[in-house]
Amino acid sequence: MRHQLTFDARKEAQLCLVQAGGWIAFHHQKPMFVFPTAEEKQTYLTLLNANVDAVKKEESGRRETMEAHHDFLEMLAQSE
């Protein structure tokens, strides 16, 4: 039995696929992520979730930096 998930075009998802031991196959002319065992499928999901969390954390840090920069520019403008 093969363990499949729908295709995810994001580069991060495809890197996690390779790390988990999966591959891309076609089912009814649609790309699918395929894993030989349920364990490797679960490994993929774990890797992908960790990757998504890291991206969210990075985006949150960027947003905070941009907000702090904006506040700093407002203070400068008011002091002039």
N, C-alpha and C. Protein backbone atom coordinates (compact mmCIF):
# COMPACT_ATOMS: atom_id res chain seq x y z
N MET A 1 0.84 -1.19 0.00
CA MET A 1 0.00 0.00 0.00
C MET A 1 0.88 1.24 0.00
N ARG A 2 0.53 2.18 -0.86
CA ARG A 2 1.28 3.43 -0.89
C ARG A 2 0.56 4.47 -0.05
N HIS A 3 1.33 5.35 0.48
CA HIS A 3 0.80 6.43 1.31
C HIS A 3 0.99 7.72 0.52
N GLN A 4 -0.11 8.40 0.23
CA GLN A 4 -0.06 9.56 -0.66
C GLN A 4 -0.63 10.81 0.00
N LEU A 5 -0.14 11.93 -0.49
CA LEU A 5 -0.68 13.25 -0.15
C LEU A 5 -0.79 14.04 -1.43
N THR A 6 -1.65 15.04 -1.43
CA THR A 6 -1.75 15.88 -2.61
C THR A 6 -0.46 16.66 -2.80
N PHE A 7 -0.17 16.99 -4.02
CA PHE A 7 1.05 17.70 -4.40
C PHE A 7 1.07 19.08 -3.77
N ASP A 8 2.22 19.49 -3.28
CA ASP A 8 2.44 20.83 -2.72
C ASP A 8 3.57 21.47 -3.51
N ALA A 9 3.27 22.56 -4.20
CA ALA A 9 4.25 23.18 -5.10
C ALA A 9 5.33 23.98 -4.39
N ARG A 10 5.18 24.21 -3.10
CA ARG A 10 6.19 25.00 -2.39
C ARG A 10 7.52 24.26 -2.35
N LYS A 11 8.58 25.01 -2.53
CA LYS A 11 9.93 24.43 -2.53
C LYS A 11 10.22 23.73 -1.20
N GLU A 12 9.79 24.36 -0.09
CA GLU A 12 10.03 23.79 1.23
C GLU A 12 9.37 22.42 1.36
N ALA A 13 8.16 22.29 0.83
CA ALA A 13 7.44 21.02 0.90
C ALA A 13 8.18 19.94 0.11
N GLN A 14 8.70 20.32 -1.03
CA GLN A 14 9.40 19.34 -1.86
C GLN A 14 10.73 18.93 -1.23
N LEU A 15 11.40 19.85 -0.54
CA LEU A 15 12.63 19.50 0.17
C LEU A 15 12.32 18.54 1.33
N CYS A 16 11.23 18.79 2.05
CA CYS A 16 10.83 17.90 3.13
C CYS A 16 10.46 16.52 2.58
N LEU A 17 9.86 16.50 1.40
CA LEU A 17 9.51 15.23 0.76
C LEU A 17 10.75 14.38 0.55
N VAL A 18 11.78 14.98 0.01
CA VAL A 18 13.03 14.26 -0.26
C VAL A 18 13.67 13.80 1.06
N GLN A 19 13.68 14.68 2.06
CA GLN A 19 14.28 14.33 3.35
C GLN A 19 13.55 13.16 4.01
N ALA A 20 12.24 13.07 3.78
CA ALA A 20 11.44 12.00 4.41
C ALA A 20 11.47 10.71 3.61
N GLY A 21 12.08 10.72 2.44
CA GLY A 21 12.17 9.49 1.65
C GLY A 21 11.02 9.29 0.69
N GLY A 22 10.30 10.36 0.38
CA GLY A 22 9.17 10.26 -0.55
C GLY A 22 9.56 10.67 -1.95
N TRP A 23 8.61 10.60 -2.86
CA TRP A 23 8.83 10.99 -4.25
C TRP A 23 7.53 11.50 -4.85
N ILE A 24 7.63 12.06 -6.04
CA ILE A 24 6.46 12.57 -6.74
C ILE A 24 6.05 11.55 -7.81
N ALA A 25 4.77 11.22 -7.83
CA ALA A 25 4.22 10.32 -8.84
C ALA A 25 2.92 10.96 -9.35
N PHE A 26 2.39 10.39 -10.42
CA PHE A 26 1.16 10.92 -10.99
C PHE A 26 0.03 9.92 -10.81
N HIS A 27 -1.12 10.42 -10.39
CA HIS A 27 -2.32 9.62 -10.21
C HIS A 27 -3.45 10.34 -10.93
N HIS A 28 -4.02 9.71 -11.94
CA HIS A 28 -5.05 10.35 -12.78
C HIS A 28 -4.54 11.69 -13.33
N GLN A 29 -3.31 11.68 -13.79
CA GLN A 29 -2.64 12.82 -14.42
C GLN A 29 -2.43 14.00 -13.47
N LYS A 30 -2.49 13.76 -12.18
CA LYS A 30 -2.22 14.81 -11.19
C LYS A 30 -1.02 14.39 -10.34
N PRO A 31 -0.11 15.33 -10.06
CA PRO A 31 1.05 14.98 -9.23
C PRO A 31 0.63 14.71 -7.78
N MET A 32 1.29 13.74 -7.19
CA MET A 32 1.03 13.36 -5.79
C MET A 32 2.37 13.15 -5.09
N PHE A 33 2.39 13.38 -3.78
CA PHE A 33 3.54 13.00 -2.98
C PHE A 33 3.28 11.57 -2.51
N VAL A 34 4.26 10.70 -2.70
CA VAL A 34 4.10 9.29 -2.37
C VAL A 34 5.19 8.88 -1.37
N PHE A 35 4.79 8.06 -0.40
CA PHE A 35 5.71 7.57 0.62
C PHE A 35 5.56 6.05 0.71
N PRO A 36 6.67 5.34 0.89
CA PRO A 36 6.59 3.88 0.95
C PRO A 36 5.92 3.35 2.23
N THR A 37 6.00 4.12 3.31
CA THR A 37 5.40 3.68 4.58
C THR A 37 4.68 4.84 5.25
N ALA A 38 3.80 4.51 6.17
CA ALA A 38 3.10 5.54 6.94
C ALA A 38 4.08 6.32 7.81
N GLU A 39 5.13 5.65 8.27
CA GLU A 39 6.13 6.31 9.10
C GLU A 39 6.84 7.43 8.33
N GLU A 40 7.20 7.17 7.09
CA GLU A 40 7.86 8.21 6.28
C GLU A 40 6.90 9.35 5.95
N LYS A 41 5.63 9.03 5.77
CA LYS A 41 4.63 10.07 5.55
C LYS A 41 4.54 10.96 6.79
N GLN A 42 4.54 10.34 7.97
CA GLN A 42 4.48 11.11 9.22
C GLN A 42 5.75 11.94 9.40
N THR A 43 6.89 11.41 9.01
CA THR A 43 8.14 12.16 9.07
C THR A 43 8.04 13.41 8.20
N TYR A 44 7.48 13.26 7.00
CA TYR A 44 7.29 14.40 6.10
C TYR A 44 6.42 15.46 6.77
N LEU A 45 5.29 15.04 7.35
CA LEU A 45 4.38 16.00 7.99
C LEU A 45 5.05 16.72 9.15
N THR A 46 5.87 15.99 9.91
CA THR A 46 6.60 16.59 11.03
C THR A 46 7.61 17.62 10.52
N LEU A 47 8.37 17.25 9.49
CA LEU A 47 9.35 18.18 8.91
C LEU A 47 8.67 19.42 8.35
N LEU A 48 7.57 19.23 7.67
CA LEU A 48 6.86 20.35 7.06
C LEU A 48 6.31 21.28 8.13
N ASN A 49 5.74 20.73 9.19
CA ASN A 49 5.22 21.56 10.28
C ASN A 49 6.33 22.36 10.94
N ALA A 50 7.48 21.75 11.15
CA ALA A 50 8.62 22.46 11.73
C ALA A 50 9.08 23.58 10.81
N ASN A 51 9.07 23.32 9.52
CA ASN A 51 9.48 24.32 8.54
C ASN A 51 8.50 25.49 8.53
N VAL A 52 7.21 25.20 8.57
CA VAL A 52 6.18 26.25 8.57
C VAL A 52 6.31 27.11 9.82
N ASP A 53 6.53 26.46 10.97
CA ASP A 53 6.71 27.21 12.22
C ASP A 53 7.92 28.13 12.14
N ALA A 54 9.01 27.66 11.56
CA ALA A 54 10.22 28.48 11.44
C ALA A 54 9.97 29.68 10.53
N VAL A 55 9.25 29.48 9.45
CA VAL A 55 8.94 30.58 8.52
C VAL A 55 8.05 31.61 9.21
N LYS A 56 7.05 31.15 9.95
CA LYS A 56 6.16 32.08 10.67
C LYS A 56 6.95 32.90 11.69
N LYS A 57 7.86 32.24 12.40
CA LYS A 57 8.68 32.92 13.40
C LYS A 57 9.55 33.99 12.73
N GLU A 58 10.14 33.64 11.58
CA GLU A 58 10.99 34.58 10.85
C GLU A 58 10.17 35.78 10.35
N GLU A 59 8.98 35.52 9.82
CA GLU A 59 8.12 36.60 9.33
C GLU A 59 7.69 37.51 10.47
N SER A 60 7.40 36.93 11.62
CA SER A 60 7.00 37.70 12.79
C SER A 60 8.14 38.62 13.23
N GLY A 61 9.36 38.11 13.23
CA GLY A 61 10.53 38.92 13.59
C GLY A 61 10.74 40.06 12.61
N ARG A 62 10.54 39.78 11.32
CA ARG A 62 10.69 40.83 10.31
C ARG A 62 9.64 41.93 10.51
N ARG A 63 8.41 41.52 10.80
CA ARG A 63 7.33 42.48 11.00
C ARG A 63 7.63 43.37 12.20
N GLU A 64 8.12 42.77 13.30
CA GLU A 64 8.46 43.56 14.48
C GLU A 64 9.57 44.54 14.18
N THR A 65 10.56 44.13 13.41
CA THR A 65 11.66 45.01 13.03
C THR A 65 11.16 46.17 12.19
N MET A 66 10.26 45.86 11.24
CA MET A 66 9.72 46.92 10.38
C MET A 66 8.89 47.91 11.19
N GLU A 67 8.11 47.40 12.16
CA GLU A 67 7.30 48.28 13.00
C GLU A 67 8.19 49.18 13.86
N ALA A 68 9.25 48.64 14.42
CA ALA A 68 10.17 49.42 15.23
C ALA A 68 10.86 50.48 14.38
N HIS A 69 11.23 50.12 13.15
CA HIS A 69 11.86 51.08 12.25
C HIS A 69 10.89 52.20 11.90
N HIS A 70 9.63 51.84 11.66
CA HIS A 70 8.60 52.83 11.34
C HIS A 70 8.41 53.79 12.52
N ASP A 71 8.34 53.25 13.75
CA ASP A 71 8.18 54.08 14.95
C ASP A 71 9.37 55.03 15.11
N PHE A 72 10.56 54.54 14.84
CA PHE A 72 11.76 55.36 14.93
C PHE A 72 11.71 56.52 13.93
N LEU A 73 11.29 56.24 12.69
CA LEU A 73 11.18 57.28 11.68
C LEU A 73 10.12 58.32 12.06
N GLU A 74 9.03 57.88 12.67
CA GLU A 74 7.99 58.83 13.13
C GLU A 74 8.55 59.74 14.20
N MET A 75 9.33 59.18 15.14
CA MET A 75 9.94 59.99 16.20
C MET A 75 10.88 61.03 15.61
N LEU A 76 11.66 60.63 14.61
CA LEU A 76 12.57 61.56 13.97
C LEU A 76 11.81 62.68 13.28
N ALA A 77 10.75 62.34 12.60
CA ALA A 77 9.95 63.33 11.88
C ALA A 77 9.31 64.32 12.85
N GLN A 78 8.87 63.85 14.00
CA GLN A 78 8.24 64.72 14.98
C GLN A 78 9.25 65.63 15.65
N SER A 79 10.47 65.20 15.76
CA SER A 79 11.49 66.02 16.44
C SER A 79 11.99 67.16 15.57
N GLU A 80 11.73 67.08 14.28
CA GLU A 80 12.23 68.13 13.38
C GLU A 80 11.36 69.34 13.36
